[in-house]
Amino acid sequence: MTSGVIQDAGLPERSRVISVGRPPWWAMVVSLLVAALVTTDLLTLGWLERMDLRVAETVADWQLKDSAAYPLVWAVTQVGGRVTILVVLTVLVGYLAWRRHTWLPLARVLVALTLLTVVVYSIKHGTGRTAPGFPGSYWFHEDGASFPSGHVANAVLMWGVARWQAVEYGLPLRVQRAFWVLSIAGPALTGLAMVSLNFHWVTDAVVGAAVGVVLLGVVHALDAVVLSRWVRARAGRQSA
């Protein structure tokens, strides 16, 4: 890695139209609490389980899967799709590697992707919750992989990482704004589309968002104590 990130990290404020989007400590604590409380309520068959069932029954009556709107709604779910986001991130990381001579954005993306895969799929397989389309509502089922929503967690984390790179490296203001919009609207639209098609329960989307916020904060923390410090050391700079 080279020193490009060190020069760019100190960009003047006029080149930053938004913040890098690092979740504050309290947001991470709230997200952890929400995830824990929702999971506990669901596993004890509390009122959130009953709410999920009522919403799923209502959504089923809409019959969006059999309507002309299905392709459009399905396309919205892909705002949180891993392939969609990785295509964008590949272009972003490639551009920064070429123009700014740094691979730090790639390291951040790889760390985020690894954490996302390990954490989300560990919870999915650990709880084994089936999706609304499954006949009945089950936990600890061998075919259950609905909880939490990987698409929503992916949208929060990976669009958040994209926003971070766009702002830190001072990309054009319209690009910064576009990634800011995606980092906020992306998870919301993904969750709504998933629930409206009965691909996920409401609580799947809520906990997916909470997990995404926590993981985004963890990636920022790891970057501060490991990744960026290593880059500074490689560049012969004093660690912050």
Protein backbone atom coordinates (compact mmCIF):
# COMPACT_ATOMS: atom_id res chain seq x y z
CA MET A 1 0.00 0.00 0.00
CA THR A 2 1.10 3.56 -0.58
CA SER A 3 0.62 6.82 1.22
CA GLY A 4 -2.28 8.09 -0.90
CA VAL A 5 -4.78 7.71 1.90
CA ILE A 6 -2.65 9.76 4.29
CA GLN A 7 -2.65 12.71 1.95
CA ASP A 8 -6.36 12.40 1.26
CA ALA A 9 -7.46 11.81 4.85
CA GLY A 10 -6.85 15.47 5.63
CA LEU A 11 -9.04 16.86 2.89
CA PRO A 12 -10.41 20.34 3.57
CA GLU A 13 -13.98 20.47 4.82
CA ARG A 14 -15.18 22.16 1.64
CA SER A 15 -14.49 18.91 -0.23
CA ARG A 16 -16.69 16.98 2.21
CA VAL A 17 -20.38 17.62 1.76
CA ILE A 18 -21.36 14.95 4.30
CA SER A 19 -19.72 12.98 7.10
CA VAL A 20 -18.10 9.60 6.54
CA GLY A 21 -21.02 8.05 8.38
CA ARG A 22 -19.26 6.33 11.27
CA PRO A 23 -22.00 5.18 13.71
CA PRO A 24 -21.61 6.84 17.14
CA TRP A 25 -21.12 4.53 20.12
CA TRP A 26 -24.68 5.10 21.33
CA ALA A 27 -26.12 4.04 17.97
CA MET A 28 -24.19 0.79 18.18
CA VAL A 29 -25.40 0.19 21.75
CA VAL A 30 -29.01 0.91 20.77
CA SER A 31 -28.69 -1.42 17.77
CA LEU A 32 -27.32 -4.21 19.95
CA LEU A 33 -30.15 -3.75 22.42
CA VAL A 34 -32.78 -3.73 19.67
CA ALA A 35 -31.35 -6.89 18.13
CA ALA A 36 -31.18 -8.65 21.50
CA LEU A 37 -34.67 -7.60 22.63
CA VAL A 38 -36.33 -8.45 19.32
CA THR A 39 -34.60 -11.83 19.15
CA THR A 40 -35.57 -12.65 22.73
CA ASP A 41 -39.20 -11.68 22.14
CA LEU A 42 -39.37 -13.80 18.99
CA LEU A 43 -37.77 -16.85 20.57
CA THR A 44 -40.25 -16.65 23.45
CA LEU A 45 -43.16 -16.30 20.98
CA GLY A 46 -43.96 -12.79 22.17
CA TRP A 47 -46.07 -10.08 20.58
CA LEU A 48 -43.55 -9.40 17.80
CA GLU A 49 -44.06 -12.93 16.48
CA ARG A 50 -47.80 -12.29 16.34
CA MET A 51 -47.21 -8.93 14.67
CA ASP A 52 -45.03 -10.61 12.04
CA LEU A 53 -47.78 -13.12 11.30
CA ARG A 54 -50.44 -10.40 10.93
CA VAL A 55 -48.26 -8.36 8.57
CA ALA A 56 -47.42 -11.43 6.50
CA GLU A 57 -51.10 -12.32 6.19
CA THR A 58 -51.93 -8.79 5.07
CA VAL A 59 -49.09 -8.73 2.55
CA ALA A 60 -50.16 -12.11 1.17
CA ASP A 61 -53.56 -10.60 0.36
CA TRP A 62 -51.85 -8.00 -1.82
CA GLN A 63 -50.66 -10.79 -4.14
CA LEU A 64 -47.74 -8.72 -5.41
CA LYS A 65 -45.93 -11.89 -6.50
CA ASP A 66 -48.66 -12.50 -9.06
CA SER A 67 -49.03 -8.91 -10.19
CA ALA A 68 -47.44 -6.80 -12.91
CA ALA A 69 -45.61 -4.89 -10.17
CA TYR A 70 -43.55 -7.91 -9.14
CA PRO A 71 -40.51 -7.26 -11.41
CA LEU A 72 -40.24 -3.67 -10.19
CA VAL A 73 -40.56 -4.56 -6.51
CA TRP A 74 -38.09 -7.42 -6.94
CA ALA A 75 -35.63 -5.01 -8.57
CA VAL A 76 -35.89 -2.78 -5.49
CA THR A 77 -34.87 -5.71 -3.29
CA GLN A 78 -31.63 -5.86 -5.25
CA VAL A 79 -30.63 -2.43 -3.95
CA GLY A 80 -29.47 -4.50 -0.98
CA GLY A 81 -28.26 -7.42 -3.08
CA ARG A 82 -24.64 -8.42 -2.65
CA VAL A 83 -23.97 -8.60 -6.38
CA THR A 84 -25.41 -5.14 -7.02
CA ILE A 85 -23.39 -3.48 -4.28
CA LEU A 86 -20.17 -5.35 -5.06
CA VAL A 87 -20.34 -4.24 -8.69
CA VAL A 88 -20.52 -0.61 -7.55
CA LEU A 89 -17.80 -1.12 -4.95
CA THR A 90 -15.53 -2.77 -7.51
CA VAL A 91 -15.75 0.33 -9.67
CA LEU A 92 -15.22 2.63 -6.68
CA VAL A 93 -12.26 0.68 -5.26
CA GLY A 94 -10.72 0.30 -8.70
CA TYR A 95 -10.98 4.03 -9.35
CA LEU A 96 -9.37 4.91 -6.00
CA ALA A 97 -6.58 2.39 -6.53
CA TRP A 98 -5.87 3.88 -9.95
CA ARG A 99 -6.20 7.58 -9.16
CA ARG A 100 -5.13 7.72 -5.49
CA HIS A 101 -2.69 4.79 -5.49
CA THR A 102 -4.09 3.14 -2.39
CA TRP A 103 -5.58 -0.28 -1.68
CA LEU A 104 -6.95 0.69 1.73
CA PRO A 105 -10.55 0.95 0.41
CA LEU A 106 -10.25 -2.63 -0.86
CA ALA A 107 -9.04 -3.79 2.55
CA ARG A 108 -12.00 -2.09 4.19
CA VAL A 109 -14.45 -3.71 1.78
CA LEU A 110 -12.93 -7.17 2.32
CA VAL A 111 -13.06 -6.81 6.11
CA ALA A 112 -16.68 -5.65 5.94
CA LEU A 113 -17.66 -8.47 3.60
CA THR A 114 -15.97 -11.09 5.79
CA LEU A 115 -17.64 -9.83 8.97
CA LEU A 116 -21.01 -9.64 7.24
CA THR A 117 -20.80 -13.20 5.96
CA VAL A 118 -19.61 -14.72 9.24
CA VAL A 119 -21.96 -12.84 11.56
CA VAL A 120 -25.17 -12.87 9.51
CA TYR A 121 -24.93 -16.51 8.45
CA SER A 122 -23.99 -17.60 11.95
CA ILE A 123 -27.22 -16.04 13.22
CA LYS A 124 -29.24 -17.41 10.31
CA HIS A 125 -28.10 -20.98 10.83
CA GLY A 126 -28.19 -20.64 14.59
CA THR A 127 -31.83 -19.59 14.68
CA GLY A 128 -33.08 -21.43 11.61
CA ARG A 129 -36.11 -19.23 11.09
CA THR A 130 -38.14 -19.94 7.98
CA ALA A 131 -39.47 -17.22 5.69
CA PRO A 132 -43.15 -16.16 5.54
CA GLY A 133 -43.65 -18.20 2.36
CA PHE A 134 -42.78 -21.39 4.22
CA PRO A 135 -45.87 -23.38 5.35
CA GLY A 136 -46.02 -22.27 8.96
CA SER A 137 -43.74 -20.25 11.23
CA TYR A 138 -40.77 -22.24 12.47
CA TRP A 139 -37.53 -21.76 14.36
CA PHE A 140 -34.49 -24.04 14.35
CA HIS A 141 -35.54 -25.55 11.03
CA GLU A 142 -32.84 -26.98 8.78
CA ASP A 143 -34.22 -24.95 5.86
CA GLY A 144 -34.55 -21.75 7.88
CA ALA A 145 -32.33 -18.84 6.84
CA SER A 146 -34.67 -15.86 7.10
CA PHE A 147 -33.48 -14.22 10.32
CA PRO A 148 -31.98 -11.65 10.07
CA SER A 149 -32.34 -10.20 6.59
CA GLY A 150 -28.97 -10.46 4.88
CA HIS A 151 -30.05 -8.00 2.19
CA VAL A 152 -30.86 -5.28 4.73
CA ALA A 153 -27.69 -5.88 6.74
CA ASN A 154 -25.72 -5.84 3.50
CA ALA A 155 -27.32 -2.55 2.42
CA VAL A 156 -26.55 -0.83 5.74
CA LEU A 157 -22.97 -2.04 5.92
CA MET A 158 -21.75 -2.00 2.35
CA TRP A 159 -23.45 1.21 1.20
CA GLY A 160 -22.10 2.70 4.43
CA VAL A 161 -18.58 1.62 3.46
CA ALA A 162 -19.06 3.06 -0.04
CA ARG A 163 -20.22 6.39 1.41
CA TRP A 164 -17.21 6.42 3.72
CA GLN A 165 -14.74 6.02 0.83
CA ALA A 166 -16.46 8.60 -1.35
CA VAL A 167 -16.28 11.22 1.41
CA GLU A 168 -12.83 10.43 2.78
CA TYR A 169 -11.23 10.55 -0.65
CA GLY A 170 -13.04 13.73 -1.65
CA LEU A 171 -14.91 12.45 -4.68
CA PRO A 172 -17.18 14.95 -6.48
CA LEU A 173 -19.95 16.29 -4.27
CA ARG A 174 -22.67 14.68 -6.37
CA VAL A 175 -21.02 11.30 -5.84
CA GLN A 176 -20.83 11.87 -2.09
CA ARG A 177 -24.51 12.83 -2.03
CA ALA A 178 -25.47 9.80 -4.12
CA PHE A 179 -23.77 7.40 -1.72
CA TRP A 180 -25.30 9.25 1.25
CA VAL A 181 -28.75 8.66 -0.25
CA LEU A 182 -27.96 4.99 -0.91
CA SER A 183 -26.63 4.50 2.62
CA ILE A 184 -29.95 5.70 4.07
CA ALA A 185 -32.62 4.93 1.49
CA GLY A 186 -31.02 1.69 0.32
CA PRO A 187 -31.68 -0.32 3.53
CA ALA A 188 -35.16 1.17 3.95
CA LEU A 189 -36.25 0.40 0.38
CA THR A 190 -34.71 -3.06 0.53
CA GLY A 191 -36.51 -3.93 3.76
CA LEU A 192 -39.87 -2.63 2.54
CA ALA A 193 -39.59 -4.50 -0.75
CA MET A 194 -38.56 -7.74 0.97
CA VAL A 195 -41.47 -7.57 3.40
CA SER A 196 -43.98 -6.56 0.71
CA LEU A 197 -43.10 -9.70 -1.27
CA ASN A 198 -43.20 -11.86 1.87
CA PHE A 199 -39.54 -12.76 1.39
CA HIS A 200 -38.91 -11.68 5.00
CA TRP A 201 -40.74 -10.93 8.22
CA VAL A 202 -40.72 -7.34 9.49
CA THR A 203 -38.47 -8.31 12.40
CA ASP A 204 -35.99 -9.92 9.99
CA ALA A 205 -35.52 -6.50 8.38
CA VAL A 206 -35.30 -4.67 11.72
CA VAL A 207 -32.63 -6.96 13.13
CA GLY A 208 -30.82 -6.98 9.78
CA ALA A 209 -30.56 -3.19 9.96
CA ALA A 210 -29.35 -3.35 13.57
CA VAL A 211 -26.67 -5.89 12.69
CA GLY A 212 -25.57 -3.73 9.77
CA VAL A 213 -25.14 -0.67 12.00
CA VAL A 214 -23.08 -2.63 14.54
CA LEU A 215 -20.86 -4.15 11.87
CA LEU A 216 -20.30 -0.76 10.21
CA GLY A 217 -19.13 0.60 13.55
CA VAL A 218 -16.85 -2.42 14.02
CA VAL A 219 -15.27 -1.92 10.58
CA HIS A 220 -14.61 1.74 11.37
CA ALA A 221 -13.04 0.73 14.70
CA LEU A 222 -10.85 -1.93 13.10
CA ASP A 223 -9.76 0.58 10.50
CA ALA A 224 -8.77 3.09 13.17
CA VAL A 225 -6.70 0.64 15.22
CA VAL A 226 -5.34 -1.67 12.50
CA LEU A 227 -5.85 -0.90 8.81
CA SER A 228 -5.10 2.83 8.61
CA ARG A 229 -2.32 2.56 11.20
CA TRP A 230 -0.67 -0.14 9.12
CA VAL A 231 -0.88 2.06 6.03
CA ARG A 232 0.74 4.93 7.95
CA ALA A 233 3.50 2.63 9.14
CA ARG A 234 4.11 1.38 5.60
CA ALA A 235 4.30 5.00 4.44
CA GLY A 236 6.82 5.89 7.13
CA ARG A 237 4.32 8.15 8.87
CA GLN A 238 3.72 8.44 12.58
CA SER A 239 0.65 6.55 13.78
CA ALA A 240 -2.25 8.69 14.86
